[in-house]
Amino acid sequence: MSAEECALTCLDLPKAEAVRLRLVHGPVARIMDVRSVVSADPVRLRLGAALALGVELCVCDLIWACEVPRELVMQHLRSLCSRGLATSHRGGTVVAYRLTPMGRLLMAALLSSDDESGAIIVAPPAGEE
C-alpha cells in the first residue's frame, strides 16, 4: 500500500456516484481527447491545418508547407492516423494523407480564417478573446 492510497475501502457511495454520473463518457470523452491531442502540439496542429487546406498532400508537401523535419512530420501523421483523424494511401511511390470526416470537423472547430489575408489562425479558446 502506497502513501497515496486509502488504507481501507472508505467509499462514500452517494458522493462517488454523484461524481461518476457527472463525468464525461463515451463519444464525448473521445472527441475531447482527440481535440486535446491535436491542439496540444503546434506541429500537429499545423499538419492538420495543412491537410484541411490542401485536401490531400504527400509527405514531401507537408514537410515543405509546415517547415519541419521528415521524422517529425511522420511521427505526427502516425498520431493523427491512429486517432482516426487522417488516412493515407499509396499511389506508386507517393504516400498521400488526407483528413477523415472527423478530422475535418475537428480542424474546422479549432481553426478560423483571417478575413484580410486568408491565413489560417488558431482560434482562441472560448472566453479568451
Protein backbone atom coordinates (compact mmCIF):
# COMPACT_ATOMS: atom_id res chain seq x y z
CA MET A 1 0.00 0.00 0.00
CA SER A 2 1.46 3.36 -1.01
CA ALA A 3 1.21 6.59 0.97
CA GLU A 4 -1.15 7.97 -1.73
CA GLU A 5 -3.84 5.29 -1.26
CA CYS A 6 -6.52 4.83 1.38
CA ALA A 7 -5.68 2.17 3.98
CA LEU A 8 -9.27 0.89 3.93
CA THR A 9 -12.07 0.87 1.41
CA CYS A 10 -13.82 4.01 2.59
CA LEU A 11 -16.21 4.51 -0.31
CA ASP A 12 -18.77 7.28 0.18
CA LEU A 13 -21.14 5.75 -2.38
CA PRO A 14 -23.60 8.65 -2.79
CA LYS A 15 -20.74 11.13 -3.23
CA ALA A 16 -18.71 8.89 -5.57
CA GLU A 17 -21.79 8.01 -7.65
CA ALA A 18 -22.78 11.68 -7.98
CA VAL A 19 -19.28 12.46 -9.29
CA ARG A 20 -19.28 9.43 -11.63
CA LEU A 21 -22.59 10.49 -13.19
CA ARG A 22 -21.22 13.97 -13.97
CA LEU A 23 -18.05 12.74 -15.69
CA VAL A 24 -17.73 12.82 -19.46
CA HIS A 25 -18.17 9.37 -21.01
CA GLY A 26 -18.11 7.61 -24.35
CA PRO A 27 -18.08 9.58 -27.61
CA VAL A 28 -17.87 12.98 -25.90
CA ALA A 29 -14.79 11.90 -23.97
CA ARG A 30 -13.21 10.59 -27.18
CA ILE A 31 -13.85 13.87 -29.01
CA MET A 32 -12.38 15.84 -26.11
CA ASP A 33 -9.34 13.56 -26.02
CA VAL A 34 -8.76 13.84 -29.76
CA ARG A 35 -9.19 17.62 -29.70
CA SER A 36 -6.68 17.98 -26.89
CA VAL A 37 -4.18 15.73 -28.68
CA VAL A 38 -4.31 17.81 -31.87
CA SER A 39 -4.26 21.22 -30.21
CA ALA A 40 -1.58 20.23 -27.66
CA ASP A 41 1.22 20.28 -30.22
CA PRO A 42 1.81 23.17 -32.64
CA VAL A 43 3.35 20.89 -35.31
CA ARG A 44 0.37 18.52 -35.20
CA LEU A 45 -1.97 21.48 -35.41
CA ARG A 46 -0.07 22.88 -38.44
CA LEU A 47 -0.19 19.47 -40.15
CA GLY A 48 -3.93 19.27 -39.56
CA ALA A 49 -4.39 22.79 -40.89
CA ALA A 50 -2.26 21.98 -43.95
CA LEU A 51 -4.36 18.90 -44.66
CA ALA A 52 -7.54 20.95 -44.20
CA LEU A 53 -6.26 23.49 -46.76
CA GLY A 54 -4.65 21.05 -49.19
CA VAL A 55 -7.30 18.32 -49.03
CA GLU A 56 -4.71 15.63 -49.85
CA LEU A 57 -0.96 16.08 -49.51
CA CYS A 58 2.06 13.82 -49.73
CA VAL A 59 4.71 13.76 -47.00
CA CYS A 60 7.05 15.95 -49.08
CA ASP A 61 4.33 18.60 -49.46
CA LEU A 62 3.71 18.56 -45.71
CA ILE A 63 7.42 18.85 -44.91
CA TRP A 64 7.69 21.88 -47.20
CA ALA A 65 4.47 23.56 -46.08
CA CYS A 66 4.99 23.06 -42.35
CA GLU A 67 8.76 23.60 -42.40
CA VAL A 68 9.58 20.69 -40.10
CA PRO A 69 11.84 17.63 -40.49
CA ARG A 70 10.54 14.44 -42.11
CA GLU A 71 10.82 12.43 -38.87
CA LEU A 72 8.64 14.93 -37.02
CA VAL A 73 6.06 15.00 -39.81
CA MET A 74 5.91 11.20 -39.85
CA GLN A 75 5.56 10.99 -36.06
CA HIS A 76 2.63 13.40 -36.04
CA LEU A 77 0.96 11.85 -39.09
CA ARG A 78 1.05 8.46 -37.33
CA SER A 79 -0.58 10.12 -34.31
CA LEU A 80 -3.32 11.70 -36.44
CA CYS A 81 -3.97 8.41 -38.25
CA SER A 82 -4.02 6.29 -35.09
CA ARG A 83 -6.70 8.57 -33.64
CA GLY A 84 -8.88 8.34 -36.74
CA LEU A 85 -8.27 11.94 -37.83
CA ALA A 86 -6.31 11.23 -41.02
CA THR A 87 -5.88 8.41 -43.51
CA SER A 88 -3.20 7.61 -46.06
CA HIS A 89 -2.94 5.74 -49.33
CA ARG A 90 -0.04 4.81 -51.56
CA GLY A 91 -0.06 5.68 -55.24
CA GLY A 92 3.10 4.23 -56.76
CA THR A 93 5.98 5.81 -54.87
CA VAL A 94 3.89 8.57 -53.25
CA VAL A 95 2.02 8.27 -49.94
CA ALA A 96 -0.74 10.85 -49.65
CA TYR A 97 -2.58 11.86 -46.49
CA ARG A 98 -5.99 13.40 -46.00
CA LEU A 99 -8.25 14.20 -43.07
CA THR A 100 -11.14 11.90 -42.24
CA PRO A 101 -14.60 13.43 -41.84
CA MET A 102 -13.99 13.59 -38.08
CA GLY A 103 -10.60 15.22 -38.70
CA ARG A 104 -12.19 17.83 -40.96
CA LEU A 105 -14.82 18.65 -38.36
CA LEU A 106 -12.22 18.91 -35.64
CA MET A 107 -9.93 21.16 -37.68
CA ALA A 108 -12.89 23.39 -38.61
CA ALA A 109 -13.66 23.75 -34.90
CA LEU A 110 -10.04 24.52 -33.98
CA LEU A 111 -9.19 26.90 -36.81
CA SER A 112 -10.56 30.11 -38.22
CA SER A 113 -9.60 32.24 -41.21
CA ASP A 114 -8.34 35.82 -41.02
CA ASP A 115 -10.63 37.70 -43.44
CA GLU A 116 -7.93 40.04 -44.80
CA SER A 117 -5.11 37.59 -45.53
CA GLY A 118 -6.89 34.26 -45.81
CA ALA A 119 -4.28 32.82 -43.44
CA ILE A 120 -5.41 30.07 -41.12
CA ILE A 121 -5.03 31.01 -37.49
CA VAL A 122 -5.64 29.03 -34.35
CA ALA A 123 -8.94 30.02 -32.84
CA PRO A 124 -8.55 31.14 -29.22
CA PRO A 125 -10.26 29.02 -26.58
CA ALA A 126 -13.77 30.16 -25.71
CA GLY A 127 -13.73 33.22 -23.47
CA GLU A 128 -10.10 34.16 -24.24
CA GLU A 129 -10.58 36.72 -26.99
